[in-house]
Amino acid sequence: MPTQKQTIFLAAYADCHDAFLRYCTTVSFGKCDVQDLVQDVMLSTFQHFDGIEEGKLLHYMIRAARNRSISLGRARRFKAVDLEEQSLERLRSKGASAETLLDVETLYRALNRLPEKQRNAVILFEINGFSVREIAGMQGSSEASVKMKLSRGRKRLRELLTDSPRNYGQFVMSAKTILL
């Protein structure tokens, strides 16, 4: 029988599950297993649930997932090829075409070459669909700062993806489609 805290936590989590899972899938690509990341963050979040401001659960979980993915990625750097293949296999199981998988892999490799703050802003805005205001709240920064990170991140991604016959928008749409 779940405790009252567990019931309240699960009800609050249900509202942000899809967005949180999409974010974790994106930031874990080639760095760590998405299921490990989700479980680690959920456990940590549950333990600190009483101290999380109402309505800020998703923000808290996204910050925690970003930090944890970095830690897990450092610890498992030697397994990057295996982790990338696991991530691609998860996408294949969702029915992604070979072309979409290639787009997603190319986009993730390019994203991983961006500075952390730009990468996080682009992932949250372009792939997860958060507003600039929401991202500013999550990152504890101004909307102007988020806009600058997005602008610089998009510009750098376009440069990184110029060798490809497909354009930036097509890569992002492939990632969004498969992660939604």
N, C-alpha and C. Protein backbone atom coordinates (compact mmCIF):
# COMPACT_ATOMS: atom_id res chain seq x y z
N MET A 1 0.84 -1.18 0.00
CA MET A 1 0.00 0.00 0.00
C MET A 1 0.89 1.25 0.00
N PRO A 2 0.75 2.11 -1.00
CA PRO A 2 1.59 3.31 -1.06
C PRO A 2 1.29 4.27 0.09
N THR A 3 2.35 4.92 0.53
CA THR A 3 2.19 5.94 1.57
C THR A 3 1.58 7.19 0.94
N GLN A 4 1.18 8.13 1.79
CA GLN A 4 0.60 9.37 1.29
C GLN A 4 1.63 10.15 0.46
N LYS A 5 2.88 10.16 0.91
CA LYS A 5 3.93 10.86 0.17
C LYS A 5 4.12 10.23 -1.21
N GLN A 6 4.11 8.90 -1.28
CA GLN A 6 4.27 8.21 -2.57
C GLN A 6 3.11 8.54 -3.51
N THR A 7 1.91 8.56 -2.98
CA THR A 7 0.72 8.86 -3.78
C THR A 7 0.78 10.28 -4.33
N ILE A 8 1.16 11.22 -3.50
CA ILE A 8 1.26 12.63 -3.92
C ILE A 8 2.38 12.78 -4.95
N PHE A 9 3.51 12.14 -4.70
CA PHE A 9 4.64 12.21 -5.63
C PHE A 9 4.25 11.64 -6.99
N LEU A 10 3.65 10.47 -7.00
CA LEU A 10 3.28 9.84 -8.27
C LEU A 10 2.25 10.65 -9.05
N ALA A 11 1.33 11.29 -8.35
CA ALA A 11 0.35 12.15 -9.02
C ALA A 11 1.05 13.37 -9.64
N ALA A 12 1.98 13.96 -8.92
CA ALA A 12 2.71 15.12 -9.45
C ALA A 12 3.61 14.68 -10.61
N TYR A 13 4.23 13.53 -10.49
CA TYR A 13 5.12 13.03 -11.54
C TYR A 13 4.36 12.68 -12.81
N ALA A 14 3.16 12.18 -12.68
CA ALA A 14 2.37 11.79 -13.85
C ALA A 14 2.20 12.96 -14.83
N ASP A 15 2.07 14.16 -14.30
CA ASP A 15 1.89 15.34 -15.16
C ASP A 15 3.14 15.67 -15.97
N CYS A 16 4.31 15.27 -15.50
CA CYS A 16 5.54 15.64 -16.21
C CYS A 16 6.30 14.45 -16.77
N HIS A 17 5.72 13.26 -16.69
CA HIS A 17 6.41 12.04 -17.13
C HIS A 17 6.89 12.11 -18.57
N ASP A 18 6.02 12.45 -19.51
CA ASP A 18 6.39 12.42 -20.93
C ASP A 18 7.52 13.40 -21.23
N ALA A 19 7.41 14.61 -20.75
CA ALA A 19 8.45 15.61 -21.00
C ALA A 19 9.77 15.19 -20.35
N PHE A 20 9.70 14.65 -19.15
CA PHE A 20 10.90 14.21 -18.45
C PHE A 20 11.57 13.06 -19.19
N LEU A 21 10.79 12.11 -19.65
CA LEU A 21 11.34 10.96 -20.37
C LEU A 21 11.98 11.39 -21.69
N ARG A 22 11.34 12.32 -22.42
CA ARG A 22 11.94 12.83 -23.66
C ARG A 22 13.28 13.50 -23.37
N TYR A 23 13.32 14.31 -22.32
CA TYR A 23 14.56 14.99 -21.98
C TYR A 23 15.65 13.98 -21.62
N CYS A 24 15.32 13.01 -20.80
CA CYS A 24 16.31 12.00 -20.40
C CYS A 24 16.81 11.20 -21.60
N THR A 25 15.91 10.87 -22.51
CA THR A 25 16.30 10.13 -23.71
C THR A 25 17.31 10.94 -24.51
N THR A 26 17.09 12.22 -24.61
CA THR A 26 17.98 13.08 -25.38
C THR A 26 19.34 13.25 -24.71
N VAL A 27 19.37 13.58 -23.43
CA VAL A 27 20.65 13.85 -22.77
C VAL A 27 21.45 12.59 -22.49
N SER A 28 20.82 11.44 -22.47
CA SER A 28 21.54 10.21 -22.17
C SER A 28 22.18 9.57 -23.39
N PHE A 29 21.81 10.01 -24.58
CA PHE A 29 22.27 9.36 -25.81
C PHE A 29 23.79 9.23 -25.83
N GLY A 30 24.27 7.99 -25.86
CA GLY A 30 25.69 7.70 -25.93
C GLY A 30 26.46 7.95 -24.65
N LYS A 31 25.79 8.41 -23.60
CA LYS A 31 26.48 8.71 -22.34
C LYS A 31 26.12 7.73 -21.24
N CYS A 32 24.85 7.39 -21.17
CA CYS A 32 24.39 6.50 -20.11
C CYS A 32 23.08 5.87 -20.54
N ASP A 33 22.66 4.87 -19.81
CA ASP A 33 21.40 4.20 -20.12
C ASP A 33 20.25 5.06 -19.63
N VAL A 34 19.28 5.29 -20.48
CA VAL A 34 18.16 6.18 -20.14
C VAL A 34 17.38 5.65 -18.94
N GLN A 35 17.21 4.35 -18.85
CA GLN A 35 16.45 3.78 -17.73
C GLN A 35 17.19 4.00 -16.41
N ASP A 36 18.52 3.85 -16.43
CA ASP A 36 19.31 4.12 -15.22
C ASP A 36 19.16 5.58 -14.80
N LEU A 37 19.22 6.46 -15.79
CA LEU A 37 19.11 7.89 -15.51
C LEU A 37 17.75 8.23 -14.91
N VAL A 38 16.69 7.73 -15.52
CA VAL A 38 15.33 8.02 -15.03
C VAL A 38 15.16 7.49 -13.60
N GLN A 39 15.60 6.27 -13.36
CA GLN A 39 15.45 5.68 -12.03
C GLN A 39 16.26 6.44 -10.97
N ASP A 40 17.50 6.79 -11.32
CA ASP A 40 18.33 7.53 -10.37
C ASP A 40 17.70 8.86 -10.00
N VAL A 41 17.22 9.58 -11.02
CA VAL A 41 16.63 10.89 -10.77
C VAL A 41 15.32 10.78 -10.02
N MET A 42 14.50 9.79 -10.36
CA MET A 42 13.23 9.62 -9.65
C MET A 42 13.47 9.31 -8.17
N LEU A 43 14.42 8.46 -7.89
CA LEU A 43 14.72 8.12 -6.49
C LEU A 43 15.20 9.35 -5.73
N SER A 44 16.12 10.07 -6.34
CA SER A 44 16.63 11.29 -5.70
C SER A 44 15.53 12.32 -5.51
N THR A 45 14.69 12.48 -6.53
CA THR A 45 13.60 13.45 -6.45
C THR A 45 12.61 13.06 -5.36
N PHE A 46 12.29 11.79 -5.27
CA PHE A 46 11.37 11.34 -4.23
C PHE A 46 11.94 11.64 -2.84
N GLN A 47 13.23 11.40 -2.68
CA GLN A 47 13.87 11.64 -1.39
C GLN A 47 13.83 13.12 -1.00
N HIS A 48 13.87 14.01 -2.01
CA HIS A 48 13.88 15.45 -1.75
C HIS A 48 12.53 16.11 -2.05
N PHE A 49 11.53 15.31 -2.28
CA PHE A 49 10.23 15.81 -2.73
C PHE A 49 9.63 16.87 -1.82
N ASP A 50 9.78 16.70 -0.53
CA ASP A 50 9.19 17.66 0.42
C ASP A 50 9.78 19.06 0.27
N GLY A 51 11.01 19.15 -0.22
CA GLY A 51 11.67 20.45 -0.35
C GLY A 51 11.51 21.10 -1.72
N ILE A 52 10.81 20.43 -2.63
CA ILE A 52 10.65 20.98 -3.98
C ILE A 52 9.41 21.86 -4.01
N GLU A 53 9.59 23.06 -4.51
CA GLU A 53 8.49 24.02 -4.59
C GLU A 53 7.37 23.47 -5.49
N GLU A 54 6.14 23.68 -5.07
CA GLU A 54 4.99 23.21 -5.85
C GLU A 54 5.02 23.79 -7.26
N GLY A 55 4.80 22.94 -8.24
CA GLY A 55 4.81 23.37 -9.64
C GLY A 55 6.19 23.38 -10.26
N LYS A 56 7.22 23.03 -9.49
CA LYS A 56 8.60 23.06 -9.99
C LYS A 56 9.21 21.67 -10.08
N LEU A 57 8.38 20.64 -10.00
CA LEU A 57 8.89 19.27 -10.02
C LEU A 57 9.65 18.98 -11.32
N LEU A 58 9.07 19.32 -12.45
CA LEU A 58 9.73 19.04 -13.73
C LEU A 58 11.05 19.80 -13.83
N HIS A 59 11.07 21.04 -13.41
CA HIS A 59 12.30 21.83 -13.44
C HIS A 59 13.38 21.16 -12.60
N TYR A 60 13.00 20.73 -11.42
CA TYR A 60 13.95 20.06 -10.52
C TYR A 60 14.48 18.79 -11.16
N MET A 61 13.59 17.99 -11.74
CA MET A 61 13.99 16.72 -12.33
C MET A 61 14.89 16.91 -13.55
N ILE A 62 14.62 17.92 -14.34
CA ILE A 62 15.46 18.18 -15.52
C ILE A 62 16.87 18.60 -15.09
N ARG A 63 16.95 19.47 -14.10
CA ARG A 63 18.29 19.86 -13.60
C ARG A 63 19.02 18.64 -13.05
N ALA A 64 18.31 17.82 -12.30
CA ALA A 64 18.92 16.63 -11.72
C ALA A 64 19.35 15.65 -12.81
N ALA A 65 18.53 15.49 -13.85
CA ALA A 65 18.86 14.58 -14.94
C ALA A 65 20.09 15.08 -15.71
N ARG A 66 20.17 16.37 -15.92
CA ARG A 66 21.34 16.92 -16.62
C ARG A 66 22.60 16.63 -15.83
N ASN A 67 22.56 16.93 -14.54
CA ASN A 67 23.73 16.70 -13.69
C ASN A 67 24.09 15.22 -13.60
N ARG A 68 23.08 14.40 -13.44
CA ARG A 68 23.32 12.95 -13.31
C ARG A 68 23.82 12.35 -14.62
N SER A 69 23.32 12.81 -15.76
CA SER A 69 23.78 12.28 -17.04
C SER A 69 25.25 12.59 -17.25
N ILE A 70 25.67 13.76 -16.80
CA ILE A 70 27.09 14.12 -16.89
C ILE A 70 27.92 13.17 -16.03
N SER A 71 27.47 12.92 -14.82
CA SER A 71 28.20 12.02 -13.91
C SER A 71 28.25 10.60 -14.46
N LEU A 72 27.10 10.10 -14.90
CA LEU A 72 27.06 8.74 -15.46
C LEU A 72 27.89 8.64 -16.73
N GLY A 73 27.86 9.68 -17.54
CA GLY A 73 28.65 9.69 -18.77
C GLY A 73 30.14 9.61 -18.49
N ARG A 74 30.59 10.32 -17.48
CA ARG A 74 32.02 10.26 -17.12
C ARG A 74 32.40 8.87 -16.64
N ALA A 75 31.53 8.28 -15.85
CA ALA A 75 31.82 6.97 -15.28
C ALA A 75 31.81 5.87 -16.34
N ARG A 76 31.06 6.07 -17.41
CA ARG A 76 30.90 5.01 -18.42
C ARG A 76 31.44 5.40 -19.78
N ARG A 77 32.36 6.32 -19.82
CA ARG A 77 32.88 6.83 -21.09
C ARG A 77 33.38 5.70 -22.00
N PHE A 78 33.98 4.67 -21.41
CA PHE A 78 34.54 3.59 -22.21
C PHE A 78 33.46 2.76 -22.91
N LYS A 79 32.22 2.87 -22.49
CA LYS A 79 31.13 2.09 -23.08
C LYS A 79 30.29 2.93 -24.04
N ALA A 80 30.79 4.05 -24.51
CA ALA A 80 29.99 4.98 -25.32
C ALA A 80 29.40 4.32 -26.56
N VAL A 81 30.17 3.49 -27.25
CA VAL A 81 29.67 2.84 -28.47
C VAL A 81 28.49 1.93 -28.13
N ASP A 82 28.62 1.13 -27.07
CA ASP A 82 27.53 0.26 -26.66
C ASP A 82 26.30 1.06 -26.26
N LEU A 83 26.50 2.16 -25.55
CA LEU A 83 25.38 2.98 -25.11
C LEU A 83 24.69 3.65 -26.29
N GLU A 84 25.45 4.08 -27.28
CA GLU A 84 24.84 4.66 -28.48
C GLU A 84 23.99 3.62 -29.18
N GLU A 85 24.50 2.41 -29.29
CA GLU A 85 23.74 1.34 -29.95
C GLU A 85 22.47 1.02 -29.17
N GLN A 86 22.53 1.03 -27.84
CA GLN A 86 21.33 0.80 -27.04
C GLN A 86 20.30 1.90 -27.29
N SER A 87 20.77 3.13 -27.36
CA SER A 87 19.87 4.26 -27.61
C SER A 87 19.21 4.12 -28.97
N LEU A 88 20.00 3.78 -29.98
CA LEU A 88 19.44 3.60 -31.33
C LEU A 88 18.48 2.42 -31.38
N GLU A 89 18.79 1.37 -30.66
CA GLU A 89 17.90 0.20 -30.63
C GLU A 89 16.56 0.57 -30.00
N ARG A 90 16.59 1.39 -28.97
CA ARG A 90 15.35 1.84 -28.33
C ARG A 90 14.50 2.62 -29.34
N LEU A 91 15.15 3.44 -30.15
CA LEU A 91 14.43 4.21 -31.16
C LEU A 91 13.90 3.30 -32.27
N ARG A 92 14.71 2.29 -32.65
CA ARG A 92 14.24 1.31 -33.66
C ARG A 92 12.97 0.61 -33.19
N SER A 93 12.94 0.29 -31.90
CA SER A 93 11.79 -0.43 -31.36
C SER A 93 10.52 0.42 -31.40
N LYS A 94 10.69 1.75 -31.51
CA LYS A 94 9.54 2.65 -31.64
C LYS A 94 9.12 2.81 -33.09
N GLY A 95 9.80 2.10 -34.00
CA GLY A 95 9.41 2.14 -35.39
C GLY A 95 10.13 3.18 -36.23
N ALA A 96 11.27 3.67 -35.78
CA ALA A 96 12.01 4.67 -36.54
C ALA A 96 12.62 4.05 -37.79
N SER A 97 12.55 4.79 -38.88
CA SER A 97 13.14 4.33 -40.13
C SER A 97 14.66 4.49 -40.06
N ALA A 98 15.36 3.85 -40.98
CA ALA A 98 16.82 3.95 -41.02
C ALA A 98 17.25 5.40 -41.23
N GLU A 99 16.53 6.13 -42.07
CA GLU A 99 16.86 7.53 -42.33
C GLU A 99 16.68 8.38 -41.08
N THR A 100 15.60 8.14 -40.35
CA THR A 100 15.35 8.88 -39.12
C THR A 100 16.42 8.57 -38.08
N LEU A 101 16.79 7.30 -37.96
CA LEU A 101 17.84 6.92 -37.02
C LEU A 101 19.16 7.62 -37.35
N LEU A 102 19.47 7.69 -38.62
CA LEU A 102 20.70 8.37 -39.03
C LEU A 102 20.63 9.86 -38.70
N ASP A 103 19.47 10.47 -38.95
CA ASP A 103 19.28 11.88 -38.60
C ASP A 103 19.46 12.11 -37.11
N VAL A 104 18.83 11.27 -36.30
CA VAL A 104 18.90 11.43 -34.85
C VAL A 104 20.33 11.23 -34.37
N GLU A 105 21.00 10.22 -34.87
CA GLU A 105 22.38 9.97 -34.47
C GLU A 105 23.28 11.15 -34.86
N THR A 106 23.10 11.66 -36.06
CA THR A 106 23.89 12.80 -36.53
C THR A 106 23.62 14.03 -35.67
N LEU A 107 22.34 14.27 -35.36
CA LEU A 107 21.98 15.42 -34.53
C LEU A 107 22.58 15.28 -33.13
N TYR A 108 22.48 14.11 -32.52
CA TYR A 108 23.00 13.92 -31.17
C TYR A 108 24.51 14.09 -31.13
N ARG A 109 25.19 13.60 -32.14
CA ARG A 109 26.65 13.76 -32.18
C ARG A 109 27.00 15.26 -32.28
N ALA A 110 26.23 15.98 -33.09
CA ALA A 110 26.47 17.43 -33.22
C ALA A 110 26.12 18.14 -31.91
N LEU A 111 25.01 17.76 -31.28
CA LEU A 111 24.63 18.36 -30.00
C LEU A 111 25.72 18.16 -28.95
N ASN A 112 26.32 16.99 -28.95
CA ASN A 112 27.36 16.69 -27.96
C ASN A 112 28.62 17.52 -28.17
N ARG A 113 28.74 18.17 -29.30
CA ARG A 113 29.89 19.03 -29.56
C ARG A 113 29.64 20.48 -29.14
N LEU A 114 28.41 20.78 -28.74
CA LEU A 114 28.08 22.14 -28.29
C LEU A 114 28.51 22.32 -26.84
N PRO A 115 28.79 23.55 -26.43
CA PRO A 115 29.02 23.81 -25.01
C PRO A 115 27.77 23.41 -24.21
N GLU A 116 27.95 22.96 -23.00
CA GLU A 116 26.87 22.41 -22.17
C GLU A 116 25.64 23.31 -22.10
N LYS A 117 25.82 24.59 -21.84
CA LYS A 117 24.67 25.49 -21.67
C LYS A 117 23.90 25.66 -22.97
N GLN A 118 24.59 25.75 -24.08
CA GLN A 118 23.92 25.86 -25.38
C GLN A 118 23.19 24.57 -25.70
N ARG A 119 23.85 23.44 -25.47
CA ARG A 119 23.25 22.13 -25.76
C ARG A 119 21.96 21.96 -24.95
N ASN A 120 22.02 22.29 -23.67
CA ASN A 120 20.85 22.11 -22.81
C ASN A 120 19.70 23.02 -23.27
N ALA A 121 20.00 24.25 -23.62
CA ALA A 121 18.96 25.18 -24.09
C ALA A 121 18.32 24.67 -25.39
N VAL A 122 19.13 24.20 -26.31
CA VAL A 122 18.61 23.70 -27.58
C VAL A 122 17.75 22.46 -27.37
N ILE A 123 18.22 21.55 -26.53
CA ILE A 123 17.45 20.33 -26.25
C ILE A 123 16.10 20.68 -25.63
N LEU A 124 16.13 21.56 -24.63
CA LEU A 124 14.88 21.91 -23.96
C LEU A 124 13.91 22.63 -24.88
N PHE A 125 14.40 23.52 -25.72
CA PHE A 125 13.53 24.32 -26.58
C PHE A 125 13.12 23.56 -27.84
N GLU A 126 14.09 23.10 -28.59
CA GLU A 126 13.83 22.51 -29.90
C GLU A 126 13.24 21.10 -29.82
N ILE A 127 13.77 20.28 -28.95
CA ILE A 127 13.34 18.88 -28.91
C ILE A 127 12.21 18.66 -27.91
N ASN A 128 12.31 19.31 -26.73
CA ASN A 128 11.29 19.09 -25.71
C ASN A 128 10.16 20.10 -25.75
N GLY A 129 10.33 21.19 -26.48
CA GLY A 129 9.23 22.13 -26.68
C GLY A 129 8.93 23.07 -25.53
N PHE A 130 9.87 23.28 -24.61
CA PHE A 130 9.65 24.23 -23.53
C PHE A 130 9.78 25.65 -24.06
N SER A 131 9.08 26.57 -23.43
CA SER A 131 9.18 27.98 -23.82
C SER A 131 10.46 28.57 -23.26
N VAL A 132 10.86 29.71 -23.80
CA VAL A 132 12.04 30.42 -23.31
C VAL A 132 11.87 30.75 -21.83
N ARG A 133 10.68 31.17 -21.45
CA ARG A 133 10.41 31.50 -20.04
C ARG A 133 10.58 30.28 -19.14
N GLU A 134 10.07 29.12 -19.57
CA GLU A 134 10.21 27.90 -18.77
C GLU A 134 11.67 27.51 -18.63
N ILE A 135 12.43 27.62 -19.72
CA ILE A 135 13.85 27.25 -19.68
C ILE A 135 14.59 28.19 -18.75
N ALA A 136 14.29 29.47 -18.81
CA ALA A 136 14.93 30.44 -17.91
C ALA A 136 14.66 30.06 -16.46
N GLY A 137 13.42 29.65 -16.17
CA GLY A 137 13.09 29.22 -14.81
C GLY A 137 13.87 27.98 -14.40
N MET A 138 14.01 27.03 -15.31
CA MET A 138 14.74 25.79 -15.01
C MET A 138 16.21 26.06 -14.77
N GLN A 139 16.76 26.97 -15.57
CA GLN A 139 18.19 27.22 -15.51
C GLN A 139 18.56 28.34 -14.53
N GLY A 140 17.55 28.99 -13.98
CA GLY A 140 17.83 30.09 -13.06
C GLY A 140 18.54 31.25 -13.75
N SER A 141 18.13 31.52 -14.99
CA SER A 141 18.75 32.60 -15.75
C SER A 141 17.67 33.49 -16.36
N SER A 142 18.08 34.52 -17.04
CA SER A 142 17.12 35.42 -17.68
C SER A 142 16.67 34.87 -19.03
N GLU A 143 15.54 35.37 -19.50
CA GLU A 143 15.06 34.97 -20.83
C GLU A 143 16.04 35.42 -21.90
N ALA A 144 16.64 36.58 -21.73
CA ALA A 144 17.63 37.08 -22.70
C ALA A 144 18.83 36.13 -22.79
N SER A 145 19.23 35.60 -21.65
CA SER A 145 20.35 34.66 -21.62
C SER A 145 19.99 33.37 -22.37
N VAL A 146 18.78 32.88 -22.15
CA VAL A 146 18.33 31.67 -22.84
C VAL A 146 18.27 31.92 -24.34
N LYS A 147 17.74 33.06 -24.75
CA LYS A 147 17.67 33.39 -26.17
C LYS A 147 19.06 33.42 -26.80
N MET A 148 20.02 33.95 -26.07
CA MET A 148 21.39 34.01 -26.58
C MET A 148 21.97 32.60 -26.72
N LYS A 149 21.75 31.76 -25.71
CA LYS A 149 22.24 30.38 -25.77
C LYS A 149 21.61 29.65 -26.95
N LEU A 150 20.30 29.85 -27.14
CA LEU A 150 19.61 29.22 -28.27
C LEU A 150 20.17 29.71 -29.60
N SER A 151 20.34 30.98 -29.73
CA SER A 151 20.86 31.55 -30.97
C SER A 151 22.25 31.01 -31.29
N ARG A 152 23.11 31.03 -30.32
CA ARG A 152 24.48 30.54 -30.53
C ARG A 152 24.49 29.03 -30.77
N GLY A 153 23.67 28.31 -30.02
CA GLY A 153 23.60 26.86 -30.20
C GLY A 153 23.08 26.48 -31.57
N ARG A 154 22.03 27.13 -32.03
CA ARG A 154 21.49 26.85 -33.37
C ARG A 154 22.52 27.17 -34.44
N LYS A 155 23.19 28.30 -34.30
CA LYS A 155 24.18 28.71 -35.29
C LYS A 155 25.29 27.66 -35.37
N ARG A 156 25.78 27.23 -34.21
CA ARG A 156 26.86 26.23 -34.19
C ARG A 156 26.38 24.89 -34.74
N LEU A 157 25.15 24.50 -34.42
CA LEU A 157 24.61 23.25 -34.96
C LEU A 157 24.52 23.30 -36.48
N ARG A 158 24.07 24.42 -37.01
CA ARG A 158 24.00 24.56 -38.47
C ARG A 158 25.38 24.37 -39.08
N GLU A 159 26.40 24.96 -38.44
CA GLU A 159 27.77 24.81 -38.93
C GLU A 159 28.21 23.35 -38.87
N LEU A 160 27.90 22.68 -37.78
CA LEU A 160 28.30 21.28 -37.62
C LEU A 160 27.56 20.36 -38.59
N LEU A 161 26.36 20.74 -38.95
CA LEU A 161 25.53 19.90 -39.83
C LEU A 161 25.62 20.29 -41.30
N THR A 162 26.48 21.22 -41.65
CA THR A 162 26.55 21.67 -43.05
C THR A 162 27.08 20.60 -43.99
N ASP A 163 27.81 19.63 -43.48
CA ASP A 163 28.31 18.55 -44.34
C ASP A 163 27.20 17.60 -44.77
N SER A 164 26.08 17.69 -44.12
CA SER A 164 24.96 16.80 -44.41
C SER A 164 24.05 17.41 -45.48
N PRO A 165 23.47 16.58 -46.33
CA PRO A 165 22.54 17.10 -47.33
C PRO A 165 21.22 17.56 -46.73
N ARG A 166 20.92 17.19 -45.51
CA ARG A 166 19.67 17.61 -44.87
C ARG A 166 19.94 18.85 -44.04
N ASN A 167 18.92 19.63 -43.78
CA ASN A 167 19.13 20.86 -43.03
C ASN A 167 18.80 20.68 -41.55
N TYR A 168 19.15 21.68 -40.78
CA TYR A 168 18.99 21.69 -39.33
C TYR A 168 17.56 21.35 -38.92
N GLY A 169 16.58 21.99 -39.54
CA GLY A 169 15.18 21.76 -39.20
C GLY A 169 14.76 20.33 -39.39
N GLN A 170 15.26 19.69 -40.44
CA GLN A 170 14.91 18.29 -40.68
C GLN A 170 15.47 17.38 -39.59
N PHE A 171 16.70 17.68 -39.14
CA PHE A 171 17.29 16.88 -38.07
C PHE A 171 16.47 17.01 -36.78
N VAL A 172 16.11 18.23 -36.45
CA VAL A 172 15.34 18.48 -35.22
C VAL A 172 13.98 17.81 -35.32
N MET A 173 13.33 17.91 -36.47
CA MET A 173 12.01 17.28 -36.63
C MET A 173 12.12 15.75 -36.50
N SER A 174 13.18 15.16 -37.02
CA SER A 174 13.37 13.72 -36.87
C SER A 174 13.48 13.35 -35.40
N ALA A 175 14.26 14.12 -34.64
CA ALA A 175 14.41 13.85 -33.22
C ALA A 175 13.10 14.03 -32.48
N LYS A 176 12.39 15.12 -32.78
CA LYS A 176 11.10 15.38 -32.11
C LYS A 176 10.11 14.28 -32.41
N THR A 177 10.03 13.87 -33.66
CA THR A 177 9.05 12.87 -34.08
C THR A 177 9.27 11.56 -33.35
N ILE A 178 10.50 11.13 -33.26
CA ILE A 178 10.76 9.83 -32.66
C ILE A 178 10.67 9.87 -31.14
N LEU A 179 10.88 11.03 -30.54
CA LEU A 179 10.85 11.13 -29.09
C LEU A 179 9.48 11.48 -28.54
N LEU A 180 8.55 11.90 -29.38
CA LEU A 180 7.24 12.28 -28.87
C LEU A 180 6.37 11.11 -28.54
